[in-house]
Amino acid sequence: MSSPSTLVWDASYLPAAILSCVAFLFIYKYVSPTLSGFVFPTYLKLPAGKQIDWNTRVISSIHAAVVSTMCAYTLMYDDELSKDPIWWDAPVVRTSCAIVVGYMIADLIIMTVHYRNIGEVFYFFHHGASIYAYVYVMNFGVLPYFANYRLVAEFSTPLVNQRWFLDVLGYHKDSSIFILNGILMTVVFFVVRVACMPLYWYKVYSIFGTEAFNRLGHMQFVLVATCLVLDSINIFWFYRMCVGVRKVLASHDKNRNIKTQ
């Protein structure tokens, strides 16, 4: 293996990132508004801000479905990934990272243009840290195991978006489908974004100080610092999620008690 000083920037995955960015912007601008208005007439009655949010969640769900599928495929079929977590060349993982980078750049563009409607500072920190880390994986081919491990988090995204869609479509927060989605969303979010943290950091600890790790040079910072940022944000989001679920369940119990009186 080459050392960091001779590591060559491989731009062969950049076209995938560019294509990803363009494709998600196209879906956001043209595909989602057309199909959403056709399938869900309620969409056409939403204010402009809600339609913007709707379309961003459509591309978010598509992105999560694509990346999660690729992540699951790698976990099942690439046995070398765990054996050589730092330097193993994993084309599927690098392609996944390119798709993620493209999507997040597209999402940042949309959030910047429509900041008053959908902007949230935590998303800028989250996307910025993710792009910074995944660009290294995409272009240098390093840390594929850790990148793929972080992408497991995308399994929770469709459920998070689904909760928002149910709310906008008029489903009462006391309805069975809303409560079921909320509980499932919280459980899955906890499993793939919070509970997996100790395993991730144990893997980091297991390779810390090894020859392969020392050859990373300044890229050790990518492995540790960016993931600390992402984990902090995920813990904050999980806290907010738990507060929301608690309120919904409390309201459900209160309404049930009123009906039985």
Protein backbone atom coordinates (compact mmCIF):
# COMPACT_ATOMS: atom_id res chain seq x y z
CA MET A 1 0.00 0.00 0.00
CA SER A 2 1.12 3.55 -0.65
CA SER A 3 1.75 6.00 2.16
CA PRO A 4 -0.26 9.21 2.58
CA SER A 5 2.54 11.23 1.03
CA THR A 6 2.24 9.29 -2.22
CA LEU A 7 -1.51 8.79 -2.09
CA VAL A 8 -3.02 9.85 -5.39
CA TRP A 9 -6.26 11.79 -5.63
CA ASP A 10 -8.51 9.56 -7.75
CA ALA A 11 -11.11 11.69 -9.52
CA SER A 12 -12.82 8.78 -11.27
CA TYR A 13 -15.78 8.91 -8.85
CA LEU A 14 -16.38 12.65 -9.24
CA PRO A 15 -18.70 12.17 -12.27
CA ALA A 16 -20.94 9.98 -10.08
CA ALA A 17 -21.11 12.76 -7.48
CA ILE A 18 -21.90 15.37 -10.14
CA LEU A 19 -24.55 13.14 -11.72
CA SER A 20 -26.04 12.50 -8.29
CA CYS A 21 -26.27 16.22 -7.55
CA VAL A 22 -27.87 17.03 -10.90
CA ALA A 23 -30.28 14.08 -10.69
CA PHE A 24 -31.53 15.02 -7.21
CA LEU A 25 -31.96 18.66 -8.18
CA PHE A 26 -33.92 17.56 -11.26
CA ILE A 27 -36.16 15.26 -9.18
CA TYR A 28 -36.70 18.04 -6.65
CA LYS A 29 -37.57 20.67 -9.26
CA TYR A 30 -39.57 18.67 -11.82
CA VAL A 31 -40.30 15.02 -10.97
CA SER A 32 -41.51 15.36 -7.38
CA PRO A 33 -43.88 18.32 -7.98
CA THR A 34 -45.46 16.58 -10.99
CA LEU A 35 -45.89 13.12 -9.46
CA SER A 36 -46.78 14.39 -6.00
CA GLY A 37 -49.54 16.60 -7.39
CA PHE A 38 -50.90 13.69 -9.41
CA VAL A 39 -50.82 11.07 -6.63
CA PHE A 40 -51.62 13.36 -3.69
CA PRO A 41 -54.06 16.20 -4.55
CA THR A 42 -53.39 17.60 -1.06
CA TYR A 43 -49.90 18.57 -2.27
CA LEU A 44 -51.37 21.13 -4.68
CA LYS A 45 -53.18 22.86 -1.82
CA LEU A 46 -50.08 23.21 0.35
CA PRO A 47 -48.40 26.61 0.75
CA ALA A 48 -45.16 27.13 -1.17
CA GLY A 49 -42.99 26.50 1.89
CA LYS A 50 -44.63 23.15 2.58
CA GLN A 51 -44.25 22.11 -1.07
CA ILE A 52 -40.54 22.91 -0.90
CA ASP A 53 -40.20 20.82 2.25
CA TRP A 54 -42.24 18.01 0.66
CA ASN A 55 -39.98 17.87 -2.41
CA THR A 56 -36.80 17.86 -0.32
CA ARG A 57 -38.15 14.93 1.69
CA VAL A 58 -38.95 13.06 -1.52
CA ILE A 59 -35.34 13.26 -2.70
CA SER A 60 -34.17 12.51 0.85
CA SER A 61 -36.19 9.28 0.89
CA ILE A 62 -34.98 8.27 -2.58
CA HIS A 63 -31.38 8.94 -1.58
CA ALA A 64 -31.79 6.92 1.62
CA ALA A 65 -33.34 3.97 -0.24
CA VAL A 66 -30.52 3.87 -2.82
CA VAL A 67 -27.67 4.28 -0.33
CA SER A 68 -29.18 1.86 2.22
CA THR A 69 -29.51 -0.81 -0.45
CA MET A 70 -25.88 -0.39 -1.49
CA CYS A 71 -24.81 -0.37 2.15
CA ALA A 72 -26.69 -3.60 2.88
CA TYR A 73 -25.19 -5.23 -0.23
CA THR A 74 -21.67 -4.34 0.92
CA LEU A 75 -22.29 -5.62 4.44
CA MET A 76 -23.51 -8.97 3.08
CA TYR A 77 -21.03 -9.60 0.28
CA ASP A 78 -17.78 -7.72 0.93
CA ASP A 79 -16.05 -9.79 3.63
CA GLU A 80 -12.72 -8.02 3.15
CA LEU A 81 -14.17 -4.73 4.32
CA SER A 82 -14.02 -5.65 8.00
CA LYS A 83 -10.61 -7.33 7.66
CA ASP A 84 -8.99 -4.25 6.14
CA PRO A 85 -11.22 -1.36 7.32
CA ILE A 86 -8.77 1.41 6.42
CA TRP A 87 -7.19 0.62 3.06
CA TRP A 88 -9.44 -1.93 1.34
CA ASP A 89 -10.53 -0.62 -2.06
CA ALA A 90 -14.34 -0.98 -2.10
CA PRO A 91 -15.83 0.42 -5.33
CA VAL A 92 -19.42 0.04 -4.11
CA VAL A 93 -18.67 2.04 -0.96
CA ARG A 94 -16.88 4.73 -2.94
CA THR A 95 -19.82 4.96 -5.33
CA SER A 96 -22.20 5.21 -2.37
CA CYS A 97 -20.11 8.05 -0.97
CA ALA A 98 -20.21 9.81 -4.35
CA ILE A 99 -24.01 9.56 -4.36
CA VAL A 100 -24.13 10.90 -0.79
CA VAL A 101 -21.84 13.82 -1.62
CA GLY A 102 -23.91 14.71 -4.67
CA TYR A 103 -27.17 14.51 -2.76
CA MET A 104 -25.91 16.58 0.17
CA ILE A 105 -24.56 19.29 -2.11
CA ALA A 106 -27.96 19.40 -3.84
CA ASP A 107 -29.72 19.57 -0.48
CA LEU A 108 -27.41 22.35 0.72
CA ILE A 109 -28.17 24.33 -2.44
CA ILE A 110 -31.91 23.93 -1.86
CA MET A 111 -31.66 24.80 1.84
CA THR A 112 -29.57 27.87 1.09
CA VAL A 113 -31.99 29.15 -1.55
CA HIS A 114 -35.02 28.45 0.65
CA TYR A 115 -33.45 28.99 4.05
CA ARG A 116 -36.47 30.87 5.43
CA ASN A 117 -38.71 27.90 4.66
CA ILE A 118 -36.60 24.84 5.44
CA GLY A 119 -33.24 26.04 6.69
CA GLU A 120 -31.93 24.59 9.96
CA VAL A 121 -28.42 25.20 11.21
CA PHE A 122 -27.92 21.60 12.39
CA TYR A 123 -28.44 20.32 8.84
CA PHE A 124 -25.66 22.59 7.58
CA PHE A 125 -23.28 21.21 10.20
CA HIS A 126 -24.42 17.64 9.50
CA HIS A 127 -24.09 17.94 5.72
CA GLY A 128 -20.80 19.83 5.94
CA ALA A 129 -19.20 17.22 8.19
CA SER A 130 -20.55 14.37 6.04
CA ILE A 131 -19.33 15.86 2.76
CA TYR A 132 -15.90 16.54 4.27
CA ALA A 133 -15.56 12.91 5.36
CA TYR A 134 -17.10 11.17 2.35
CA VAL A 135 -15.03 13.15 -0.16
CA TYR A 136 -11.91 11.53 1.31
CA VAL A 137 -13.41 8.07 1.01
CA MET A 138 -14.65 8.75 -2.52
CA ASN A 139 -11.42 10.21 -3.88
CA PHE A 140 -8.70 8.50 -1.83
CA GLY A 141 -10.42 5.16 -1.21
CA VAL A 142 -9.52 5.15 2.49
CA LEU A 143 -11.67 4.23 5.51
CA PRO A 144 -14.30 2.31 3.50
CA TYR A 145 -15.49 0.21 6.46
CA PHE A 146 -16.15 3.25 8.60
CA ALA A 147 -17.88 5.13 5.79
CA ASN A 148 -20.15 2.17 5.09
CA TYR A 149 -20.86 1.79 8.81
CA ARG A 150 -21.98 5.41 9.02
CA LEU A 151 -24.25 4.95 6.02
CA VAL A 152 -26.29 2.40 7.99
CA ALA A 153 -27.87 5.49 9.56
CA GLU A 154 -29.81 6.10 6.33
CA PHE A 155 -32.13 3.19 7.13
CA SER A 156 -34.00 5.52 9.51
CA THR A 157 -34.48 8.41 7.08
CA PRO A 158 -37.61 7.19 5.21
CA LEU A 159 -39.46 6.70 8.52
CA VAL A 160 -38.51 10.21 9.67
CA ASN A 161 -39.83 11.63 6.40
CA GLN A 162 -42.94 9.45 6.55
CA ARG A 163 -43.93 11.00 9.86
CA TRP A 164 -43.83 14.43 8.26
CA PHE A 165 -45.84 13.25 5.24
CA LEU A 166 -48.53 11.73 7.47
CA ASP A 167 -48.84 15.00 9.37
CA VAL A 168 -49.15 17.09 6.19
CA LEU A 169 -51.64 14.66 4.65
CA GLY A 170 -53.93 15.20 7.61
CA TYR A 171 -53.45 12.06 9.66
CA HIS A 172 -54.23 12.82 13.27
CA LYS A 173 -51.34 12.39 15.68
CA ASP A 174 -53.63 10.18 17.74
CA SER A 175 -54.23 7.78 14.82
CA SER A 176 -52.83 4.26 14.92
CA ILE A 177 -50.72 4.68 11.77
CA PHE A 178 -49.17 7.90 13.10
CA ILE A 179 -48.34 6.39 16.48
CA LEU A 180 -47.01 3.17 14.90
CA ASN A 181 -44.77 5.12 12.52
CA GLY A 182 -43.53 7.29 15.38
CA ILE A 183 -42.60 4.34 17.56
CA LEU A 184 -40.97 2.47 14.66
CA MET A 185 -39.12 5.61 13.59
CA THR A 186 -37.73 6.16 17.10
CA VAL A 187 -36.69 2.53 17.52
CA VAL A 188 -34.96 2.31 14.12
CA PHE A 189 -33.32 5.71 14.61
CA PHE A 190 -31.97 4.56 17.96
CA VAL A 191 -30.65 1.27 16.55
CA VAL A 192 -28.89 2.64 13.45
CA ARG A 193 -27.76 6.04 14.74
CA VAL A 194 -27.32 5.79 18.53
CA ALA A 195 -26.99 2.19 19.70
CA CYS A 196 -24.38 1.47 17.03
CA MET A 197 -22.07 4.21 18.31
CA PRO A 198 -20.19 2.01 20.83
CA LEU A 199 -19.46 -0.58 18.13
CA TYR A 200 -18.18 2.10 15.80
CA TRP A 201 -15.85 3.62 18.39
CA TYR A 202 -14.69 0.17 19.51
CA LYS A 203 -13.64 -0.51 15.90
CA VAL A 204 -11.81 2.83 15.87
CA TYR A 205 -10.10 1.86 19.13
CA SER A 206 -9.11 -1.53 17.70
CA ILE A 207 -7.17 0.03 14.82
CA PHE A 208 -5.86 3.03 16.74
CA GLY A 209 -2.04 3.15 16.75
CA THR A 210 -1.64 0.36 14.18
CA GLU A 211 0.70 0.76 11.22
CA ALA A 212 -2.26 1.08 8.87
CA PHE A 213 -3.81 3.78 11.08
CA ASN A 214 -0.56 5.75 11.43
CA ARG A 215 -0.20 5.85 7.64
CA LEU A 216 -3.42 7.87 7.46
CA GLY A 217 -1.58 10.98 8.59
CA HIS A 218 -3.94 13.98 8.83
CA MET A 219 -6.83 11.78 7.65
CA GLN A 220 -7.02 10.39 11.18
CA PHE A 221 -8.82 13.67 11.88
CA VAL A 222 -11.53 12.73 9.36
CA LEU A 223 -12.12 9.43 11.10
CA VAL A 224 -12.46 10.89 14.59
CA ALA A 225 -13.49 14.56 14.55
CA THR A 226 -16.20 14.47 11.89
CA CYS A 227 -17.84 11.44 13.46
CA LEU A 228 -17.87 13.16 16.86
CA VAL A 229 -19.81 16.00 15.23
CA LEU A 230 -22.25 13.61 13.53
CA ASP A 231 -22.79 11.59 16.70
CA SER A 232 -23.49 14.74 18.72
CA ILE A 233 -26.08 15.85 16.17
CA ASN A 234 -27.70 12.40 16.10
CA ILE A 235 -27.97 12.35 19.90
CA PHE A 236 -29.61 15.77 19.81
CA TRP A 237 -32.08 14.64 17.12
CA PHE A 238 -32.86 11.47 19.06
CA TYR A 239 -33.60 13.53 22.17
CA ARG A 240 -36.02 15.70 20.20
CA MET A 241 -37.59 12.58 18.73
CA CYS A 242 -38.14 11.03 22.15
CA VAL A 243 -39.75 14.25 23.39
CA GLY A 244 -42.10 14.21 20.40
CA VAL A 245 -43.06 10.56 20.83
CA ARG A 246 -43.68 11.12 24.55
CA LYS A 247 -46.05 14.00 23.77
CA VAL A 248 -47.96 11.95 21.20
CA LEU A 249 -48.33 8.97 23.54
CA ALA A 250 -49.41 11.22 26.41
CA SER A 251 -52.02 12.86 24.19
CA HIS A 252 -53.23 9.45 23.01
CA ASP A 253 -53.66 8.20 26.59
CA LYS A 254 -55.45 11.40 27.58
CA ASN A 255 -57.93 11.14 24.70
CA ARG A 256 -58.53 7.45 25.40
CA ASN A 257 -59.30 8.20 29.03
CA ILE A 258 -61.75 10.94 28.04
CA LYS A 259 -63.58 8.57 25.68
CA THR A 260 -63.90 5.86 28.32
CA GLN A 261 -65.37 8.24 30.93
